PDB file of N, CA and C in Angstrom:
ATOM      1  N   MET A   1     146.267 131.180  63.344  1.00  0.00           N
ATOM      2  CA  MET A   1     145.967 129.634  62.282  1.00  0.00           C
ATOM      3  C   MET A   1     144.845 129.712  62.241  1.00  0.00           C
ATOM      4  N   THR A   2     144.313 129.461  60.875  1.00  0.00           N
ATOM      5  CA  THR A   2     143.034 129.205  59.967  1.00  0.00           C
ATOM      6  C   THR A   2     142.264 128.299  59.970  1.00  0.00           C
ATOM      7  N   LYS A   3     141.198 128.095  59.527  1.00  0.00           N
ATOM      8  CA  LYS A   3     140.767 126.550  59.277  1.00  0.00           C
ATOM      9  C   LYS A   3     139.668 126.988  58.046  1.00  0.00           C
ATOM     10  N   ARG A   4     140.102 125.807  57.107  1.00  0.00           N
ATOM     11  CA  ARG A   4     138.950 126.195  56.321  1.00  0.00           C
ATOM     12  C   ARG A   4     137.833 125.281  55.873  1.00  0.00           C
ATOM     13  N   ILE A   5     136.771 125.895  55.419  1.00  0.00           N
ATOM     14  CA  ILE A   5     135.423 125.385  55.604  1.00  0.00           C
ATOM     15  C   ILE A   5     134.866 125.204  54.309  1.00  0.00           C
ATOM     16  N   THR A   6     134.160 124.265  54.098  1.00  0.00           N
ATOM     17  CA  THR A   6     133.252 124.043  52.661  1.00  0.00           C
ATOM     18  C   THR A   6     131.379 124.280  53.313  1.00  0.00           C
ATOM     19  N   LEU A   7     130.733 124.472  52.479  1.00  0.00           N
ATOM     20  CA  LEU A   7     129.483 125.005  52.666  1.00  0.00           C
ATOM     21  C   LEU A   7     128.450 124.859  51.475  1.00  0.00           C
ATOM     22  N   GLU A   8     127.468 124.142  51.798  1.00  0.00           N
ATOM     23  CA  GLU A   8     126.880 124.112  50.683  1.00  0.00           C
ATOM     24  C   GLU A   8     125.796 125.268  50.669  1.00  0.00           C
ATOM     25  N   VAL A   9     124.963 125.797  49.935  1.00  0.00           N
ATOM     26  CA  VAL A   9     123.541 127.011  49.991  1.00  0.00           C
ATOM     27  C   VAL A   9     123.035 126.755  48.638  1.00  0.00           C
ATOM     28  N   SER A  10     121.713 127.651  49.306  1.00  0.00           N
ATOM     29  CA  SER A  10     120.989 127.168  48.175  1.00  0.00           C
ATOM     30  C   SER A  10     121.189 128.550  46.936  1.00  0.00           C
ATOM     31  N   ASP A  11     120.766 128.227  45.681  1.00  0.00           N
ATOM     32  CA  ASP A  11     120.836 129.575  44.647  1.00  0.00           C
ATOM     33  C   ASP A  11     120.753 130.804  45.665  1.00  0.00           C
ATOM     34  N   GLU A  12     119.703 130.521  45.961  1.00  0.00           N
ATOM     35  CA  GLU A  12     119.056 131.868  46.962  1.00  0.00           C
ATOM     36  C   GLU A  12     120.010 132.598  47.738  1.00  0.00           C
ATOM     37  N   VAL A  13     120.328 131.718  48.789  1.00  0.00           N
ATOM     38  CA  VAL A  13     121.405 132.411  49.612  1.00  0.00           C
ATOM     39  C   VAL A  13     122.376 132.528  48.964  1.00  0.00           C
ATOM     40  N   TYR A  14     123.175 132.117  48.058  1.00  0.00           N
ATOM     41  CA  TYR A  14     124.618 132.455  47.079  1.00  0.00           C
ATOM     42  C   TYR A  14     124.337 133.602  46.389  1.00  0.00           C
ATOM     43  N   ALA A  15     122.953 134.103  45.907  1.00  0.00           N
ATOM     44  CA  ALA A  15     123.105 135.211  45.607  1.00  0.00           C
ATOM     45  C   ALA A  15     122.512 136.132  46.674  1.00  0.00           C
ATOM     46  N   GLN A  16     122.037 136.125  47.535  1.00  0.00           N
ATOM     47  CA  GLN A  16     122.074 137.040  48.739  1.00  0.00           C
ATOM     48  C   GLN A  16     123.753 137.351  49.217  1.00  0.00           C
ATOM     49  N   LEU A  17     124.658 136.203  49.121  1.00  0.00           N
ATOM     50  CA  LEU A  17     125.888 136.920  49.712  1.00  0.00           C
ATOM     51  C   LEU A  17     126.373 137.390  48.869  1.00  0.00           C
ATOM     52  N   GLU A  18     126.661 137.014  46.916  1.00  0.00           N
ATOM     53  CA  GLU A  18     126.726 137.929  46.217  1.00  0.00           C
ATOM     54  C   GLU A  18     126.629 139.229  45.939  1.00  0.00           C
ATOM     55  N   GLU A  19     125.300 139.414  46.556  1.00  0.00           N
ATOM     56  CA  GLU A  19     124.552 141.157  46.655  1.00  0.00           C
ATOM     57  C   GLU A  19     125.514 141.377  47.853  1.00  0.00           C
ATOM     58  N   LEU A  20     125.526 141.099  48.637  1.00  0.00           N
ATOM     59  CA  LEU A  20     126.420 141.909  50.149  1.00  0.00           C
ATOM     60  C   LEU A  20     127.964 142.033  49.525  1.00  0.00           C
ATOM     61  N   LYS A  21     128.268 141.080  48.681  1.00  0.00           N
ATOM     62  CA  LYS A  21     129.735 141.022  48.906  1.00  0.00           C
ATOM     63  C   LYS A  21     129.599 142.749  47.527  1.00  0.00           C
ATOM     64  N   ARG A  22     128.915 142.780  46.478  1.00  0.00           N
ATOM     65  CA  ARG A  22     128.725 143.787  45.722  1.00  0.00           C
ATOM     66  C   ARG A  22     128.953 144.799  46.325  1.00  0.00           C
ATOM     67  N   ARG A  23     127.499 145.059  47.757  1.00  0.00           N
ATOM     68  CA  ARG A  23     127.571 146.226  48.123  1.00  0.00           C
ATOM     69  C   ARG A  23     128.570 146.638  49.292  1.00  0.00           C
ATOM     70  N   ARG A  24     128.987 145.582  49.661  1.00  0.00           N
ATOM     71  CA  ARG A  24     129.969 145.770  50.804  1.00  0.00           C
ATOM     72  C   ARG A  24     131.554 145.818  50.300  1.00  0.00           C
ATOM     73  N   GLY A  25     131.704 145.442  49.177  1.00  0.00           N
ATOM     74  CA  GLY A  25     133.225 145.316  48.803  1.00  0.00           C
ATOM     75  C   GLY A  25     134.088 143.809  49.573  1.00  0.00           C
ATOM     76  N   GLY A  26     135.239 143.612  49.395  1.00  0.00           N
ATOM     77  CA  GLY A  26     135.693 142.809  49.968  1.00  0.00           C
ATOM     78  C   GLY A  26     135.636 141.193  48.960  1.00  0.00           C
ATOM     79  N   THR A  27     135.476 139.981  49.949  1.00  0.00           N
ATOM     80  CA  THR A  27     135.710 138.929  49.244  1.00  0.00           C
ATOM     81  C   THR A  27     134.502 138.457  50.017  1.00  0.00           C
ATOM     82  N   MET A  28     134.207 137.213  49.467  1.00  0.00           N
ATOM     83  CA  MET A  28     133.348 136.300  50.097  1.00  0.00           C
ATOM     84  C   MET A  28     133.257 135.960  51.795  1.00  0.00           C
ATOM     85  N   THR A  29     134.693 136.112  51.891  1.00  0.00           N
ATOM     86  CA  THR A  29     135.382 135.563  53.386  1.00  0.00           C
ATOM     87  C   THR A  29     134.947 136.706  54.110  1.00  0.00           C
ATOM     88  N   ASP A  30     135.428 137.725  53.292  1.00  0.00           N
ATOM     89  CA  ASP A  30     134.904 138.936  54.140  1.00  0.00           C
ATOM     90  C   ASP A  30     133.457 139.354  54.706  1.00  0.00           C
ATOM     91  N   VAL A  31     132.342 138.474  53.791  1.00  0.00           N
ATOM     92  CA  VAL A  31     131.111 138.576  53.898  1.00  0.00           C
ATOM     93  C   VAL A  31     130.861 137.684  55.068  1.00  0.00           C
ATOM     94  N   PHE A  32     131.363 136.390  54.925  1.00  0.00           N
ATOM     95  CA  PHE A  32     131.494 135.494  56.278  1.00  0.00           C
ATOM     96  C   PHE A  32     131.742 136.005  57.473  1.00  0.00           C
ATOM     97  N   ARG A  33     133.123 136.714  57.380  1.00  0.00           N
ATOM     98  CA  ARG A  33     133.294 137.124  58.718  1.00  0.00           C
ATOM     99  C   ARG A  33     132.542 137.927  59.276  1.00  0.00           C
ATOM    100  N   ARG A  34     132.014 138.813  58.495  1.00  0.00           N
ATOM    101  CA  ARG A  34     130.996 140.057  58.725  1.00  0.00           C
ATOM    102  C   ARG A  34     129.553 139.772  59.622  1.00  0.00           C
ATOM    103  N   ALA A  35     129.697 138.691  58.778  1.00  0.00           N
ATOM    104  CA  ALA A  35     128.180 138.244  59.269  1.00  0.00           C
ATOM    105  C   ALA A  35     128.255 137.491  60.536  1.00  0.00           C
ATOM    106  N   ILE A  36     129.559 136.710  61.085  1.00  0.00           N
ATOM    107  CA  ILE A  36     130.001 136.084  61.662  1.00  0.00           C
ATOM    108  C   ILE A  36     129.506 136.806  63.108  1.00  0.00           C
ATOM    109  N   GLY A  37     130.217 138.045  62.743  1.00  0.00           N
ATOM    110  CA  GLY A  37     130.654 139.035  64.330  1.00  0.00           C
ATOM    111  C   GLY A  37     129.518 139.748  64.165  1.00  0.00           C
ATOM    112  N   THR A  38     129.159 140.157  63.623  1.00  0.00           N
ATOM    113  CA  THR A  38     127.888 140.367  63.230  1.00  0.00           C
ATOM    114  C   THR A  38     126.335 139.900  64.695  1.00  0.00           C
ATOM    115  N   GLU A  39     126.391 138.333  64.085  1.00  0.00           N
ATOM    116  CA  GLU A  39     125.805 137.378  64.942  1.00  0.00           C
ATOM    117  C   GLU A  39     125.947 137.355  66.259  1.00  0.00           C
ATOM    118  N   ALA A  40     127.416 137.033  66.165  1.00  0.00           N
ATOM    119  CA  ALA A  40     128.469 137.012  67.353  1.00  0.00           C
ATOM    120  C   ALA A  40     127.632 138.211  68.781  1.00  0.00           C
ATOM    121  N   PHE A  41     127.920 139.850  68.120  1.00  0.00           N
ATOM    122  CA  PHE A  41     127.554 140.459  68.807  1.00  0.00           C
ATOM    123  C   PHE A  41     126.363 140.670  69.082  1.00  0.00           C
ATOM    124  N   LEU A  42     125.251 140.545  68.138  1.00  0.00           N
ATOM    125  CA  LEU A  42     124.008 140.846  68.554  1.00  0.00           C
ATOM    126  C   LEU A  42     123.255 139.435  69.654  1.00  0.00           C
ATOM    127  N   ASP A  43     124.221 138.235  69.621  1.00  0.00           N
ATOM    128  CA  ASP A  43     123.745 137.265  70.424  1.00  0.00           C
ATOM    129  C   ASP A  43     124.155 137.973  71.973  1.00  0.00           C
ATOM    130  N   GLU A  44     125.129 137.916  71.838  1.00  0.00           N
ATOM    131  CA  GLU A  44     125.805 138.241  73.481  1.00  0.00           C
ATOM    132  C   GLU A  44     124.923 139.563  73.881  1.00  0.00           C
ATOM    133  N   GLN A  45     124.500 140.416  73.140  1.00  0.00           N
ATOM    134  CA  GLN A  45     123.621 141.663  73.812  1.00  0.00           C
ATOM    135  C   GLN A  45     122.389 141.385  74.236  1.00  0.00           C
ATOM    136  N   VAL A  46     121.916 140.164  73.307  1.00  0.00           N
ATOM    137  CA  VAL A  46     120.582 139.911  73.578  1.00  0.00           C
ATOM    138  C   VAL A  46     120.470 138.878  75.266  1.00  0.00           C
ATOM    139  N   LYS A  47     121.180 138.108  75.113  1.00  0.00           N
ATOM    140  CA  LYS A  47     121.914 137.599  76.023  1.00  0.00           C
ATOM    141  C   LYS A  47     122.135 138.366  77.615  1.00  0.00           C
ATOM    142  N   GLU A  48     122.926 139.478  77.248  1.00  0.00           N
ATOM    143  CA  GLU A  48     122.912 140.117  78.487  1.00  0.00           C
ATOM    144  C   GLU A  48     121.324 140.948  78.849  1.00  0.00           C
ATOM    145  N   GLY A  49     120.445 140.853  78.227  1.00  0.00           N
ATOM    146  CA  GLY A  49     119.144 141.402  78.461  1.00  0.00           C
ATOM    147  C   GLY A  49     118.669 142.828  77.564  1.00  0.00           C
ATOM    148  N   SER A  50     119.753 143.073  76.506  1.00  0.00           N
ATOM    149  CA  SER A  50     119.398 143.781  75.504  1.00  0.00           C
ATOM    150  C   SER A  50     118.572 143.929  74.426  1.00  0.00           C
ATOM    151  N   LYS A  51     117.726 145.063  74.197  1.00  0.00           N
ATOM    152  CA  LYS A  51     116.457 144.720  72.780  1.00  0.00           C
ATOM    153  C   LYS A  51     117.906 145.147  71.809  1.00  0.00           C
ATOM    154  N   VAL A  52     117.383 144.573  70.578  1.00  0.00           N
ATOM    155  CA  VAL A  52     117.627 145.055  69.212  1.00  0.00           C
ATOM    156  C   VAL A  52     116.297 145.769  68.642  1.00  0.00           C
ATOM    157  N   LEU A  53     116.650 146.863  68.273  1.00  0.00           N
ATOM    158  CA  LEU A  53     115.602 148.029  67.585  1.00  0.00           C
ATOM    159  C   LEU A  53     116.070 148.322  66.363  1.00  0.00           C
ATOM    160  N   LEU A  54     115.103 148.327  65.098  1.00  0.00           N
ATOM    161  CA  LEU A  54     115.534 148.805  64.336  1.00  0.00           C
ATOM    162  C   LEU A  54     114.658 149.993  63.909  1.00  0.00           C
ATOM    163  N   GLU A  55     115.297 151.188  63.642  1.00  0.00           N
ATOM    164  CA  GLU A  55     114.615 152.668  63.514  1.00  0.00           C
ATOM    165  C   GLU A  55     114.117 152.913  61.793  1.00  0.00           C
ATOM    166  N   ASP A  56     113.144 153.048  61.159  1.00  0.00           N
ATOM    167  CA  ASP A  56     112.972 153.039  59.924  1.00  0.00           C
ATOM    168  C   ASP A  56     112.960 154.707  59.275  1.00  0.00           C
ATOM    169  N   PRO A  57     113.113 154.984  58.281  1.00  0.00           N
ATOM    170  CA  PRO A  57     113.374 156.559  57.798  1.00  0.00           C
ATOM    171  C   PRO A  57     112.302 157.291  58.262  1.00  0.00           C
ATOM    172  N   ASN A  58     111.107 156.929  58.804  1.00  0.00           N
ATOM    173  CA  ASN A  58     110.134 157.867  59.319  1.00  0.00           C
ATOM    174  C   ASN A  58     110.259 157.821  60.937  1.00  0.00           C
ATOM    175  N   GLY A  59     111.093 157.189  61.328  1.00  0.00           N
ATOM    176  CA  GLY A  59     111.533 157.380  62.893  1.00  0.00           C
ATOM    177  C   GLY A  59     111.000 156.327  63.421  1.00  0.00           C
ATOM    178  N   LYS A  60     110.235 155.390  63.063  1.00  0.00           N
ATOM    179  CA  LYS A  60     109.154 154.239  63.755  1.00  0.00           C
ATOM    180  C   LYS A  60     110.702 153.414  64.116  1.00  0.00           C
ATOM    181  N   PHE A  61     110.325 152.792  65.387  1.00  0.00           N
ATOM    182  CA  PHE A  61     111.002 151.568  65.722  1.00  0.00           C
ATOM    183  C   PHE A  61     110.160 149.940  65.788  1.00  0.00           C
ATOM    184  N   ARG A  62     111.131 149.223  65.493  1.00  0.00           N
ATOM    185  CA  ARG A  62     110.291 147.702  65.444  1.00  0.00           C
ATOM    186  C   ARG A  62     111.467 147.121  66.230  1.00  0.00           C
ATOM    187  N   GLN A  63     111.050 146.135  67.275  1.00  0.00           N
ATOM    188  CA  GLN A  63     112.124 145.511  67.989  1.00  0.00           C
ATOM    189  C   GLN A  63     112.298 144.245  67.324  1.00  0.00           C
ATOM    190  N   ILE A  64     113.456 143.945  66.951  1.00  0.00           N
ATOM    191  CA  ILE A  64     113.500 142.764  66.476  1.00  0.00           C
ATOM    192  C   ILE A  64     113.758 141.520  67.531  1.00  0.00           C
ATOM    193  N   VAL A  65     113.250 140.245  67.225  1.00  0.00           N
ATOM    194  CA  VAL A  65     113.131 138.820  67.980  1.00  0.00           C
ATOM    195  C   VAL A  65     114.188 138.235  67.726  1.00  0.00           C
ATOM    196  N   TRP A  66     115.539 138.191  68.608  1.00  0.00           N
ATOM    197  CA  TRP A  66     116.501 137.450  68.260  1.00  0.00           C
ATOM    198  C   TRP A  66     116.242 135.974  69.595  1.00  0.00           C
ATOM    199  N   LYS A  67     116.658 134.664  68.682  1.00  0.00           N
ATOM    200  CA  LYS A  67     116.029 133.651  68.910  1.00  0.00           C
ATOM    201  C   LYS A  67     118.000 133.086  68.867  1.00  0.00           C
TER     202      LYS A  67
END
């Protein structure tokens, strides 16, 4: 079963969503599904004690603080 939702976003957020859709392909629904899946995965990993690290092109790491 699926549910339909409606949300209001600012022009800036909408532009970001459109850009993600353009870069990744698919539909706006796909963008939301990926975003929610990523959020859920990272949230669970942090809850279990993992750290989220981002490596830049020079090989330096930054920790992403996930709240």
